[in-house]
Amino acid sequence: MKLILLRHGESEWNFLNQFTGWTDVGLTEKGIQEAQFSAKQILKEDILINTIYTSILLRSTHTAEIIADNIGFDKKNIKYNWRLNERHYGALQGLNKS
């Protein structure tokens, strides 16, 4: 058995260098391309994926679904769980990291 850990692709707030936490922002075009690249690497390595787990945040669900689509994984079998969400940054959310 192998465990593959992937972070979501670049989000809109990653691009802006902002603390995201639980703020639900989408992927940038680069983030979409990163997810597609990850799927290509999984296929290239001929890795069989049995289960995909993701947080409920859009940037993560979108990444997981892009990968699932590209590797032929049935999206109905993706497991979504809020416990996988990024940590909550409270008052820092939305602020620049600099």
C-alpha atoms as a PDB file:
ATOM      1  CA  MET A   1       0.000   0.000   0.000  1.00  0.00           C
ATOM      2  CA  LYS A   2       1.177   3.529  -0.809  1.00  0.00           C
ATOM      3  CA  LEU A   3       0.041   6.784   0.711  1.00  0.00           C
ATOM      4  CA  ILE A   4       0.277   9.810  -1.570  1.00  0.00           C
ATOM      5  CA  LEU A   5      -0.109  13.238   0.007  1.00  0.00           C
ATOM      6  CA  LEU A   6      -0.803  16.164  -2.291  1.00  0.00           C
ATOM      7  CA  ARG A   7      -1.425  19.781  -1.486  1.00  0.00           C
ATOM      8  CA  HIS A   8      -4.018  21.663  -3.502  1.00  0.00           C
ATOM      9  CA  GLY A   9      -2.878  23.616  -6.527  1.00  0.00           C
ATOM     10  CA  GLU A  10      -2.150  27.334  -6.267  1.00  0.00           C
ATOM     11  CA  SER A  11      -5.191  29.179  -4.947  1.00  0.00           C
ATOM     12  CA  GLU A  12      -6.226  32.761  -5.628  1.00  0.00           C
ATOM     13  CA  TRP A  13      -4.978  33.803  -2.192  1.00  0.00           C
ATOM     14  CA  ASN A  14      -1.725  31.820  -2.509  1.00  0.00           C
ATOM     15  CA  PHE A  15      -1.078  33.974  -5.564  1.00  0.00           C
ATOM     16  CA  LEU A  16      -1.804  37.132  -3.539  1.00  0.00           C
ATOM     17  CA  ASN A  17       0.355  35.878  -0.609  1.00  0.00           C
ATOM     18  CA  GLN A  18      -2.604  36.035   1.792  1.00  0.00           C
ATOM     19  CA  PHE A  19      -3.388  33.797   4.768  1.00  0.00           C
ATOM     20  CA  THR A  20      -6.261  31.607   3.612  1.00  0.00           C
ATOM     21  CA  GLY A  21      -7.279  29.267   6.420  1.00  0.00           C
ATOM     22  CA  TRP A  22     -10.929  28.337   6.036  1.00  0.00           C
ATOM     23  CA  THR A  23     -11.720  31.100   3.539  1.00  0.00           C
ATOM     24  CA  ASP A  24     -13.074  29.240   0.528  1.00  0.00           C
ATOM     25  CA  VAL A  25     -11.162  30.493  -2.502  1.00  0.00           C
ATOM     26  CA  GLY A  26     -10.733  28.797  -5.859  1.00  0.00           C
ATOM     27  CA  LEU A  27      -7.715  27.730  -7.854  1.00  0.00           C
ATOM     28  CA  THR A  28      -5.799  29.953 -10.226  1.00  0.00           C
ATOM     29  CA  GLU A  29      -5.120  28.780 -13.772  1.00  0.00           C
ATOM     30  CA  LYS A  30      -1.673  27.752 -12.541  1.00  0.00           C
ATOM     31  CA  GLY A  31      -3.323  25.743  -9.742  1.00  0.00           C
ATOM     32  CA  ILE A  32      -5.480  23.905 -12.279  1.00  0.00           C
ATOM     33  CA  GLN A  33      -2.383  23.122 -14.341  1.00  0.00           C
ATOM     34  CA  GLU A  34      -0.593  21.873 -11.211  1.00  0.00           C
ATOM     35  CA  ALA A  35      -3.462  19.476 -10.468  1.00  0.00           C
ATOM     36  CA  GLN A  36      -3.391  18.213 -14.059  1.00  0.00           C
ATOM     37  CA  PHE A  37       0.380  17.730 -13.816  1.00  0.00           C
ATOM     38  CA  SER A  38      -0.043  15.724 -10.599  1.00  0.00           C
ATOM     39  CA  ALA A  39      -2.522  13.456 -12.366  1.00  0.00           C
ATOM     40  CA  LYS A  40      -0.055  12.935 -15.223  1.00  0.00           C
ATOM     41  CA  GLN A  41       2.640  11.974 -12.716  1.00  0.00           C
ATOM     42  CA  ILE A  42       0.308   9.447 -11.064  1.00  0.00           C
ATOM     43  CA  LEU A  43      -0.419   7.909 -14.463  1.00  0.00           C
ATOM     44  CA  LYS A  44       3.256   7.983 -15.454  1.00  0.00           C
ATOM     45  CA  GLU A  45       4.207   6.085 -12.291  1.00  0.00           C
ATOM     46  CA  ASP A  46       1.325   3.640 -12.917  1.00  0.00           C
ATOM     47  CA  ILE A  47      -0.011   4.136  -9.391  1.00  0.00           C
ATOM     48  CA  LEU A  48      -3.395   2.583  -8.636  1.00  0.00           C
ATOM     49  CA  ILE A  49      -5.538   4.960  -6.602  1.00  0.00           C
ATOM     50  CA  ASN A  50      -8.118   3.249  -4.391  1.00  0.00           C
ATOM     51  CA  THR A  51      -9.393   6.238  -2.440  1.00  0.00           C
ATOM     52  CA  ILE A  52      -9.098  10.009  -2.581  1.00  0.00           C
ATOM     53  CA  TYR A  53      -9.656  12.043   0.587  1.00  0.00           C
ATOM     54  CA  THR A  54     -10.014  15.826   0.515  1.00  0.00           C
ATOM     55  CA  SER A  55     -11.084  18.706   2.706  1.00  0.00           C
ATOM     56  CA  ILE A  56     -14.367  20.423   1.906  1.00  0.00           C
ATOM     57  CA  LEU A  57     -12.659  23.630   0.766  1.00  0.00           C
ATOM     58  CA  LEU A  58     -13.057  24.490  -2.918  1.00  0.00           C
ATOM     59  CA  ARG A  59      -9.342  24.678  -3.702  1.00  0.00           C
ATOM     60  CA  SER A  60      -8.878  21.128  -2.390  1.00  0.00           C
ATOM     61  CA  THR A  61     -12.062  19.612  -3.794  1.00  0.00           C
ATOM     62  CA  HIS A  62     -11.317  21.101  -7.212  1.00  0.00           C
ATOM     63  CA  THR A  63      -7.758  19.710  -7.108  1.00  0.00           C
ATOM     64  CA  ALA A  64      -9.033  16.254  -6.109  1.00  0.00           C
ATOM     65  CA  GLU A  65     -11.731  16.266  -8.794  1.00  0.00           C
ATOM     66  CA  ILE A  66      -9.306  17.365 -11.529  1.00  0.00           C
ATOM     67  CA  ILE A  67      -6.972  14.532 -10.570  1.00  0.00           C
ATOM     68  CA  ALA A  68      -9.850  12.047 -10.425  1.00  0.00           C
ATOM     69  CA  ASP A  69     -11.072  13.103 -13.885  1.00  0.00           C
ATOM     70  CA  ASN A  70      -7.599  12.812 -15.368  1.00  0.00           C
ATOM     71  CA  ILE A  71      -6.778   9.379 -13.937  1.00  0.00           C
ATOM     72  CA  GLY A  72     -10.188   7.811 -14.571  1.00  0.00           C
ATOM     73  CA  PHE A  73     -11.188   7.684 -10.887  1.00  0.00           C
ATOM     74  CA  ASP A  74     -14.940   7.747 -10.195  1.00  0.00           C
ATOM     75  CA  LYS A  75     -15.601  11.079  -8.461  1.00  0.00           C
ATOM     76  CA  LYS A  76     -18.513   9.504  -6.568  1.00  0.00           C
ATOM     77  CA  ASN A  77     -15.863   7.700  -4.506  1.00  0.00           C
ATOM     78  CA  ILE A  78     -14.022  10.829  -3.334  1.00  0.00           C
ATOM     79  CA  LYS A  79     -14.291  11.220   0.439  1.00  0.00           C
ATOM     80  CA  TYR A  80     -14.890  14.809   1.614  1.00  0.00           C
ATOM     81  CA  ASN A  81     -14.237  15.705   5.254  1.00  0.00           C
ATOM     82  CA  TRP A  82     -14.021  19.066   7.013  1.00  0.00           C
ATOM     83  CA  ARG A  83     -11.427  17.602   9.382  1.00  0.00           C
ATOM     84  CA  LEU A  84      -8.932  17.823   6.502  1.00  0.00           C
ATOM     85  CA  ASN A  85      -9.467  21.580   6.139  1.00  0.00           C
ATOM     86  CA  GLU A  86      -6.494  23.873   6.529  1.00  0.00           C
ATOM     87  CA  ARG A  87      -6.095  25.291  10.017  1.00  0.00           C
ATOM     88  CA  HIS A  88      -8.192  28.332  10.828  1.00  0.00           C
ATOM     89  CA  TYR A  89      -6.112  31.519  10.983  1.00  0.00           C
ATOM     90  CA  GLY A  90      -8.758  33.643  12.710  1.00  0.00           C
ATOM     91  CA  ALA A  91      -8.050  37.368  12.395  1.00  0.00           C
ATOM     92  CA  LEU A  92      -5.053  36.657  10.140  1.00  0.00           C
ATOM     93  CA  GLN A  93      -7.242  35.265   7.354  1.00  0.00           C
ATOM     94  CA  GLY A  94      -7.064  37.546   4.345  1.00  0.00           C
ATOM     95  CA  LEU A  95      -4.010  39.433   5.582  1.00  0.00           C
ATOM     96  CA  ASN A  96      -0.813  39.521   3.570  1.00  0.00           C
ATOM     97  CA  LYS A  97       1.850  37.127   4.863  1.00  0.00           C
ATOM     98  CA  SER A  98       4.624  39.726   4.501  1.00  0.00           C
END
